[in-house]
Amino acid sequence: MSGPEPPALPPVLPTALTRLTGVRHPVVQTGMGWVAGPGLVSAVAEAGALGFLGSATMTPNELRAAVRAVRARTDRPFGVNLRADAGDAAERVAVLVEEGVRVASFALAPSRGLIARLKDAGVVVMPTVGALRHAEKVAAWGADAVLVQGAEGGGHTGRVATTVLVPQVVDAVGIPVVAAGGFFDGRGLAAALAYGACGVGMGTRFLLTAESPVPRAVKEAYLAASVADVVVTRKVDGLPHRVLRTAFVEGLEGAGRTRSLLRAARHAVAFRRLSGSGWARLVRDGVALRRVRGLAWGQVLLAASTPMLLRAAMVEGRVEAGVMSAGQVAGLIEDVPTCAELVGDVVEGARRVLAALAGPSGSDGTGITPVR
């Protein structure tokens, strides 16, 4: 976008995250394949938060086009989420450097070399981790910040709850920590700041916004879900994956190994055709998956088919034939606001909570007094 840069707006809740990335509010929209495209990310950026393009389902050329599409819509900072285990991760990092992307995140702990390449180019590196040891590793390798996702988060998840994992990581690393997994409103942001985090990351909450490209039928499935309808399964790709419980997911749970592998092979071939990827790239990605995640070849095949299962729901709207990654907060969300409304409500809600806790008596009559 040409013309003078817009004036910087003072952050309402200044934290290490806002200072590090240049955003106005300590709120992050996490990268979600098929969901976090230019429309959503630019709306998040315009709202003053930090949005991440979900590049795992894009080719390098599509990633470059998506970055430019966001730039055409906003001058605000945004980032790109990458797969550290992708065979072409170095090529994708080169795209970020060439396009001048402000922040890079990784779905898994990246290598020391990838972190160094980005930092040398002035890119802020913020890996996503789900375990203390991974946070310590990337901090030692030079990461600028870390996004820590607890077990409540959607998609691939770990075993440690956010309320345990976040303070554990805050106490162990000397870099800013963004808390993710279980956040959807201002109370959560206030709690994260109390734990020592510098902001919150939200995926499911941003998926359920007006600018999210997810079909209406899929949004309605999320809105109708209760907390008990969000489950963890290994039958999607062999790893713990938090999703909405549907008849399709229950069918996956009941499928035998042979049937699961045949289905995975069919979907992997379909994704190759859709993405234009050659067999060489699929094999290269498979080798990388085995090396980084330690997967067996059967699990690699399941992982290769996952993008098509997600696409069936998130793009095609086929609730009955796709997989819908979901955080446990899906059971608490009841509306579909704009990104500006959501970010404003979260930040203002946090300010109210923090003000009540700091005063001699809670504004809601709780009588909470500050610790001396």
Protein backbone atom coordinates (compact mmCIF):
# COMPACT_ATOMS: atom_id res chain seq x y z
CA MET A 1 0.00 0.00 0.00
CA SER A 2 1.53 3.32 -1.06
CA GLY A 3 1.51 6.60 0.80
CA PRO A 4 2.72 7.70 4.24
CA GLU A 5 2.63 5.25 7.09
CA PRO A 6 -0.30 5.69 9.50
CA PRO A 7 0.51 7.25 12.88
CA ALA A 8 1.46 4.76 15.57
CA LEU A 9 -1.32 4.32 18.11
CA PRO A 10 -0.30 4.01 21.77
CA PRO A 11 -0.85 0.51 23.12
CA VAL A 12 -3.66 0.22 25.65
CA LEU A 13 -1.91 -2.57 27.54
CA PRO A 14 1.81 -2.18 26.71
CA THR A 15 3.78 -5.39 27.18
CA ALA A 16 6.95 -6.98 25.89
CA LEU A 17 4.87 -8.37 22.99
CA THR A 18 3.65 -4.97 21.81
CA ARG A 19 7.14 -3.50 22.11
CA LEU A 20 8.76 -6.41 20.29
CA THR A 21 6.36 -6.62 17.35
CA GLY A 22 4.96 -3.10 17.07
CA VAL A 23 1.30 -4.11 17.46
CA ARG A 24 -1.09 -2.10 19.60
CA HIS A 25 -2.60 -4.89 21.70
CA PRO A 26 -1.04 -8.01 23.33
CA VAL A 27 -3.31 -10.37 21.39
CA VAL A 28 -2.19 -12.94 18.80
CA GLN A 29 -4.27 -14.72 16.15
CA THR A 30 -2.51 -18.03 15.67
CA GLY A 31 -1.76 -19.56 12.28
CA MET A 32 -4.47 -21.96 11.08
CA GLY A 33 -4.26 -23.84 7.80
CA TRP A 34 -7.11 -23.05 5.34
CA VAL A 35 -8.39 -20.39 7.80
CA ALA A 36 -5.71 -17.77 8.47
CA GLY A 37 -5.51 -16.23 5.01
CA PRO A 38 -5.04 -12.61 3.92
CA GLY A 39 -8.61 -11.56 4.76
CA LEU A 40 -8.51 -12.68 8.38
CA VAL A 41 -4.90 -11.69 9.02
CA SER A 42 -5.32 -8.17 7.61
CA ALA A 43 -8.50 -7.66 9.68
CA VAL A 44 -6.63 -8.76 12.81
CA ALA A 45 -3.76 -6.41 11.99
CA GLU A 46 -6.14 -3.50 11.44
CA ALA A 47 -7.70 -4.28 14.84
CA GLY A 48 -4.29 -3.75 16.43
CA ALA A 49 -3.46 -7.39 17.16
CA LEU A 50 -0.85 -9.71 15.65
CA GLY A 51 -2.19 -12.04 12.97
CA PHE A 52 -0.30 -14.98 11.50
CA LEU A 53 -0.82 -16.36 8.00
CA GLY A 54 -1.22 -20.15 8.18
CA SER A 55 1.21 -21.21 5.45
CA ALA A 56 1.23 -24.98 5.98
CA THR A 57 -1.42 -25.45 3.28
CA MET A 58 0.22 -23.00 0.86
CA THR A 59 2.95 -23.53 -1.70
CA PRO A 60 5.91 -21.13 -1.47
CA ASN A 61 4.48 -19.11 -4.38
CA GLU A 62 1.07 -18.99 -2.71
CA LEU A 63 2.73 -17.85 0.50
CA ARG A 64 4.45 -15.01 -1.31
CA ALA A 65 1.15 -13.98 -2.92
CA ALA A 66 -0.63 -14.14 0.46
CA VAL A 67 1.99 -11.91 2.11
CA ARG A 68 1.57 -9.36 -0.66
CA ALA A 69 -2.22 -9.58 -0.38
CA VAL A 70 -2.04 -8.70 3.32
CA ARG A 71 0.32 -5.82 2.54
CA ALA A 72 -2.17 -4.49 0.00
CA ARG A 73 -4.81 -4.28 2.75
CA THR A 74 -2.89 -3.00 5.77
CA ASP A 75 0.32 -1.30 6.85
CA ARG A 76 0.14 -2.86 10.31
CA PRO A 77 2.56 -5.60 11.47
CA PHE A 78 1.66 -9.26 10.84
CA GLY A 79 3.46 -12.59 10.78
CA VAL A 80 3.67 -15.95 9.06
CA ASN A 81 3.40 -19.36 10.70
CA LEU A 82 5.65 -22.02 9.19
CA ARG A 83 6.10 -25.76 9.58
CA ALA A 84 9.57 -26.42 10.92
CA ASP A 85 9.31 -30.03 9.72
CA ALA A 86 8.53 -29.13 6.09
CA GLY A 87 11.10 -30.28 3.58
CA ASP A 88 11.07 -26.81 1.98
CA ALA A 89 11.24 -24.83 5.24
CA ALA A 90 14.41 -23.04 4.13
CA GLU A 91 12.71 -21.92 0.90
CA ARG A 92 9.76 -20.55 2.87
CA VAL A 93 12.06 -18.71 5.24
CA ALA A 94 13.67 -17.11 2.19
CA VAL A 95 10.23 -15.86 1.11
CA LEU A 96 9.70 -14.19 4.48
CA VAL A 97 13.10 -12.53 4.34
CA GLU A 98 12.64 -11.35 0.75
CA GLU A 99 9.16 -9.98 1.46
CA GLY A 100 10.17 -8.24 4.68
CA VAL A 101 7.73 -10.08 6.97
CA ARG A 102 7.90 -8.70 10.53
CA VAL A 103 7.37 -11.87 12.62
CA ALA A 104 7.81 -15.60 12.03
CA SER A 105 6.24 -18.39 14.05
CA PHE A 106 6.74 -22.14 13.77
CA ALA A 107 4.32 -24.97 14.49
CA LEU A 108 7.23 -26.96 15.91
CA ALA A 109 10.57 -25.94 17.35
CA PRO A 110 12.70 -24.77 14.39
CA SER A 111 16.36 -25.55 13.94
CA ARG A 112 19.09 -23.25 15.19
CA GLY A 113 19.94 -22.48 11.56
CA LEU A 114 16.43 -21.32 10.64
CA ILE A 115 16.28 -19.08 13.70
CA ALA A 116 19.65 -17.55 12.87
CA ARG A 117 18.68 -16.93 9.23
CA LEU A 118 15.54 -15.05 10.26
CA LYS A 119 17.19 -13.06 13.03
CA ASP A 120 20.03 -12.01 10.73
CA ALA A 121 17.36 -10.53 8.46
CA GLY A 122 15.70 -8.66 11.33
CA VAL A 123 12.67 -10.94 11.57
CA VAL A 124 11.22 -11.50 15.05
CA VAL A 125 11.19 -15.25 15.75
CA MET A 126 8.37 -16.60 17.93
CA PRO A 127 8.15 -20.43 17.84
CA THR A 128 5.07 -22.23 19.15
CA VAL A 129 5.84 -24.94 21.69
CA GLY A 130 3.87 -27.27 23.92
CA ALA A 131 6.56 -28.43 26.32
CA LEU A 132 9.08 -26.81 28.66
CA ARG A 133 12.08 -28.51 27.05
CA HIS A 134 11.18 -27.11 23.63
CA ALA A 135 10.82 -23.60 25.05
CA GLU A 136 14.23 -23.87 26.69
CA LYS A 137 15.76 -25.15 23.44
CA VAL A 138 14.51 -22.34 21.19
CA ALA A 139 15.35 -19.73 23.83
CA ALA A 140 18.93 -21.02 23.94
CA TRP A 141 19.06 -20.90 20.14
CA GLY A 142 18.13 -17.22 20.03
CA ALA A 143 14.34 -17.05 19.65
CA ASP A 144 12.99 -13.59 20.49
CA ALA A 145 9.81 -14.88 22.15
CA VAL A 146 7.86 -18.09 22.50
CA LEU A 147 4.17 -18.89 22.16
CA VAL A 148 3.32 -21.60 24.68
CA GLN A 149 0.21 -23.68 23.96
CA GLY A 150 -1.27 -25.76 26.74
CA ALA A 151 -3.32 -28.91 26.35
CA GLU A 152 -6.59 -26.96 26.03
CA GLY A 153 -5.52 -25.61 22.63
CA GLY A 154 -6.90 -26.86 19.32
CA GLY A 155 -5.07 -28.92 16.73
CA HIS A 156 -1.92 -30.74 17.76
CA THR A 157 -1.64 -30.52 21.50
CA GLY A 158 0.44 -31.68 24.43
CA ARG A 159 -0.45 -33.06 27.85
CA VAL A 160 0.25 -30.15 30.21
CA ALA A 161 -2.53 -27.66 30.97
CA THR A 162 -1.97 -24.00 30.12
CA THR A 163 -2.27 -22.97 33.77
CA VAL A 164 0.66 -25.23 34.62
CA LEU A 165 2.77 -24.87 31.47
CA VAL A 166 2.79 -21.08 31.16
CA PRO A 167 4.20 -20.20 34.61
CA GLN A 168 6.63 -23.10 34.26
CA VAL A 169 8.02 -21.66 31.02
CA VAL A 170 7.94 -18.06 32.28
CA ASP A 171 10.14 -19.08 35.19
CA ALA A 172 12.56 -21.03 32.97
CA VAL A 173 13.27 -18.77 30.00
CA GLY A 174 14.45 -15.19 29.78
CA ILE A 175 12.38 -14.20 26.73
CA PRO A 176 8.78 -12.97 26.40
CA VAL A 177 6.13 -15.69 26.65
CA VAL A 178 2.74 -15.58 24.91
CA ALA A 179 0.15 -17.88 26.47
CA ALA A 180 -2.18 -19.95 24.27
CA GLY A 181 -4.73 -22.68 24.85
CA GLY A 182 -8.03 -21.86 26.55
CA PHE A 183 -8.22 -18.10 25.95
CA PHE A 184 -11.21 -16.26 24.48
CA ASP A 185 -11.95 -13.12 26.52
CA GLY A 186 -10.54 -10.34 28.69
CA ARG A 187 -10.47 -12.46 31.83
CA GLY A 188 -8.08 -14.82 30.08
CA LEU A 189 -5.77 -12.01 29.00
CA ALA A 190 -5.68 -10.66 32.56
CA ALA A 191 -4.92 -14.14 33.90
CA ALA A 192 -2.13 -14.66 31.37
CA LEU A 193 -0.53 -11.36 32.35
CA ALA A 194 -0.77 -12.40 36.01
CA TYR A 195 1.09 -15.61 35.16
CA GLY A 196 3.89 -13.51 33.71
CA ALA A 197 3.00 -13.87 30.02
CA CYS A 198 3.10 -10.82 27.75
CA GLY A 199 -0.07 -11.63 25.81
CA VAL A 200 -2.44 -14.34 24.66
CA GLY A 201 -2.72 -16.38 21.47
CA MET A 202 -6.14 -17.45 20.24
CA GLY A 203 -7.08 -19.70 17.33
CA THR A 204 -10.64 -20.98 17.76
CA ARG A 205 -11.84 -17.57 18.96
CA PHE A 206 -10.55 -15.89 15.76
CA LEU A 207 -11.90 -18.72 13.63
CA LEU A 208 -15.32 -17.65 14.88
CA THR A 209 -15.18 -14.06 13.64
CA ALA A 210 -16.96 -12.31 10.78
CA GLU A 211 -13.77 -12.08 8.70
CA SER A 212 -12.90 -15.77 9.07
CA PRO A 213 -13.40 -17.52 5.70
CA VAL A 214 -14.80 -20.67 7.33
CA PRO A 215 -18.24 -21.59 5.87
CA ARG A 216 -21.29 -20.69 7.93
CA ALA A 217 -22.29 -24.33 8.44
CA VAL A 218 -18.92 -25.02 10.05
CA LYS A 219 -19.16 -21.95 12.28
CA GLU A 220 -22.58 -23.13 13.40
CA ALA A 221 -21.12 -26.53 14.31
CA TYR A 222 -18.55 -24.80 16.52
CA LEU A 223 -21.17 -22.57 18.13
CA ALA A 224 -23.38 -25.57 18.88
CA ALA A 225 -20.56 -27.54 20.53
CA SER A 226 -20.27 -27.96 24.28
CA VAL A 227 -17.00 -28.36 26.15
CA ALA A 228 -17.62 -32.12 26.17
CA ASP A 229 -17.82 -32.09 22.36
CA VAL A 230 -14.13 -31.19 22.04
CA VAL A 231 -11.99 -34.32 22.15
CA VAL A 232 -8.45 -35.51 21.51
CA THR A 233 -7.86 -38.22 18.90
CA ARG A 234 -4.82 -39.87 17.38
CA LYS A 235 -6.73 -41.22 14.40
CA VAL A 236 -6.39 -38.09 12.29
CA ASP A 237 -2.63 -38.20 11.78
CA GLY A 238 -1.18 -40.41 14.49
CA LEU A 239 -0.52 -37.53 16.90
CA PRO A 240 -2.74 -36.11 19.66
CA HIS A 241 -5.12 -33.76 17.82
CA ARG A 242 -7.87 -31.78 19.58
CA VAL A 243 -10.98 -31.59 17.38
CA LEU A 244 -14.74 -31.29 17.48
CA ARG A 245 -16.38 -34.64 18.09
CA THR A 246 -18.47 -35.53 15.05
CA ALA A 247 -19.83 -38.70 13.49
CA PHE A 248 -16.90 -38.56 11.07
CA VAL A 249 -14.34 -38.39 13.89
CA GLU A 250 -16.09 -41.24 15.68
CA GLY A 251 -15.84 -43.20 12.44
CA LEU A 252 -12.10 -42.55 12.34
CA GLU A 253 -11.81 -43.81 15.91
CA GLY A 254 -13.53 -47.05 14.94
CA ALA A 255 -11.58 -47.63 11.73
CA GLY A 256 -8.94 -50.34 11.61
CA ARG A 257 -5.32 -49.71 10.64
CA THR A 258 -5.66 -50.97 7.07
CA ARG A 259 -8.73 -48.85 6.38
CA SER A 260 -7.09 -45.79 7.93
CA LEU A 261 -3.96 -46.15 5.81
CA LEU A 262 -5.96 -46.65 2.59
CA ARG A 263 -7.98 -43.52 3.35
CA ALA A 264 -4.80 -41.61 4.16
CA ALA A 265 -3.17 -42.66 0.89
CA ARG A 266 -6.18 -41.50 -1.10
CA HIS A 267 -6.23 -38.10 0.61
CA ALA A 268 -2.45 -37.67 0.31
CA VAL A 269 -2.70 -38.16 -3.45
CA ALA A 270 -5.58 -35.67 -3.60
CA PHE A 271 -3.56 -33.07 -1.69
CA ARG A 272 -0.61 -33.58 -4.04
CA ARG A 273 -2.86 -32.78 -6.99
CA LEU A 274 -4.50 -29.82 -5.29
CA SER A 275 -1.23 -28.24 -4.18
CA GLY A 276 0.68 -29.04 -7.35
CA SER A 277 3.36 -30.78 -5.30
CA GLY A 278 5.42 -33.43 -6.97
CA TRP A 279 6.09 -36.84 -5.48
CA ALA A 280 9.64 -35.74 -4.71
CA ARG A 281 8.34 -33.02 -2.36
CA LEU A 282 5.97 -35.44 -0.62
CA VAL A 283 8.82 -37.88 -0.03
CA ARG A 284 11.05 -35.06 1.19
CA ASP A 285 8.35 -33.88 3.61
CA GLY A 286 7.88 -37.46 4.80
CA VAL A 287 11.56 -37.85 5.55
CA ALA A 288 11.49 -34.54 7.43
CA LEU A 289 8.47 -35.70 9.47
CA ARG A 290 10.28 -38.89 10.46
CA ARG A 291 13.40 -36.96 11.44
CA VAL A 292 11.75 -34.08 13.34
CA ARG A 293 8.78 -35.87 14.92
CA GLY A 294 10.10 -39.42 15.02
CA LEU A 295 7.05 -40.80 13.20
CA ALA A 296 6.70 -44.25 11.70
CA TRP A 297 5.94 -44.38 7.96
CA GLY A 298 2.31 -45.21 8.70
CA GLN A 299 2.00 -42.06 10.79
CA VAL A 300 3.74 -40.07 8.06
CA LEU A 301 1.07 -41.21 5.61
CA LEU A 302 -1.69 -40.18 8.02
CA ALA A 303 -0.06 -36.77 8.48
CA ALA A 304 0.18 -36.29 4.72
CA SER A 305 -3.57 -36.81 4.39
CA THR A 306 -4.57 -34.40 7.17
CA PRO A 307 -4.71 -31.21 5.05
CA MET A 308 -7.50 -32.72 2.92
CA LEU A 309 -9.55 -33.68 5.99
CA LEU A 310 -9.24 -30.13 7.30
CA ARG A 311 -9.99 -28.64 3.88
CA ALA A 312 -13.21 -30.66 3.54
CA ALA A 313 -14.63 -28.76 6.50
CA MET A 314 -12.82 -25.44 6.58
CA VAL A 315 -13.04 -24.70 2.84
CA GLU A 316 -15.79 -26.90 1.44
CA GLY A 317 -18.07 -26.72 4.48
CA ARG A 318 -18.58 -30.48 4.64
CA VAL A 319 -19.04 -30.94 8.37
CA GLU A 320 -19.95 -34.59 7.84
CA ALA A 321 -16.77 -35.40 5.92
CA GLY A 322 -14.01 -33.30 7.45
CA VAL A 323 -12.03 -32.63 10.59
CA MET A 324 -12.45 -29.44 12.61
CA SER A 325 -9.57 -28.60 14.92
CA ALA A 326 -10.89 -26.92 18.05
CA GLY A 327 -9.72 -25.65 21.39
CA GLN A 328 -11.80 -26.47 24.44
CA VAL A 329 -13.04 -22.88 24.48
CA ALA A 330 -15.25 -23.76 21.50
CA GLY A 331 -17.78 -24.87 24.09
CA LEU A 332 -17.84 -21.36 25.62
CA ILE A 333 -18.08 -19.23 22.47
CA GLU A 334 -21.56 -18.07 21.50
CA ASP A 335 -21.09 -15.27 18.96
CA VAL A 336 -19.29 -14.30 15.75
CA PRO A 337 -18.00 -10.72 16.18
CA THR A 338 -15.77 -8.77 13.83
CA CYS A 339 -12.06 -8.91 14.60
CA ALA A 340 -12.15 -5.28 15.72
CA GLU A 341 -15.02 -6.01 18.11
CA LEU A 342 -13.30 -9.11 19.47
CA VAL A 343 -9.92 -7.48 20.08
CA GLY A 344 -11.56 -4.41 21.61
CA ASP A 345 -13.68 -6.52 23.96
CA VAL A 346 -10.73 -8.69 25.04
CA VAL A 347 -8.47 -5.74 25.82
CA GLU A 348 -11.15 -3.66 27.53
CA GLY A 349 -12.28 -6.70 29.50
CA ALA A 350 -8.73 -7.27 30.70
CA ARG A 351 -8.39 -3.63 31.69
CA ARG A 352 -11.54 -3.84 33.78
CA VAL A 353 -10.37 -6.99 35.54
CA LEU A 354 -6.92 -5.57 36.25
CA ALA A 355 -8.42 -2.31 37.53
CA ALA A 356 -10.74 -4.20 39.85
CA LEU A 357 -7.87 -6.29 41.22
CA ALA A 358 -5.71 -3.21 41.78
CA GLY A 359 -8.37 -1.24 43.65
CA PRO A 360 -9.34 -1.39 47.34
CA SER A 361 -12.56 -3.14 46.36
CA GLY A 362 -13.62 -4.94 43.21
CA SER A 363 -15.90 -2.84 41.03
CA ASP A 364 -18.25 -5.81 40.80
CA GLY A 365 -18.58 -6.06 44.57
CA THR A 366 -16.21 -8.95 45.04
CA GLY A 367 -14.19 -7.07 47.64
CA ILE A 368 -10.88 -8.21 46.18
CA THR A 369 -7.98 -6.30 47.71
CA PRO A 370 -4.44 -6.02 46.36
CA VAL A 371 -1.60 -8.08 47.78
CA ARG A 372 0.81 -5.92 49.80
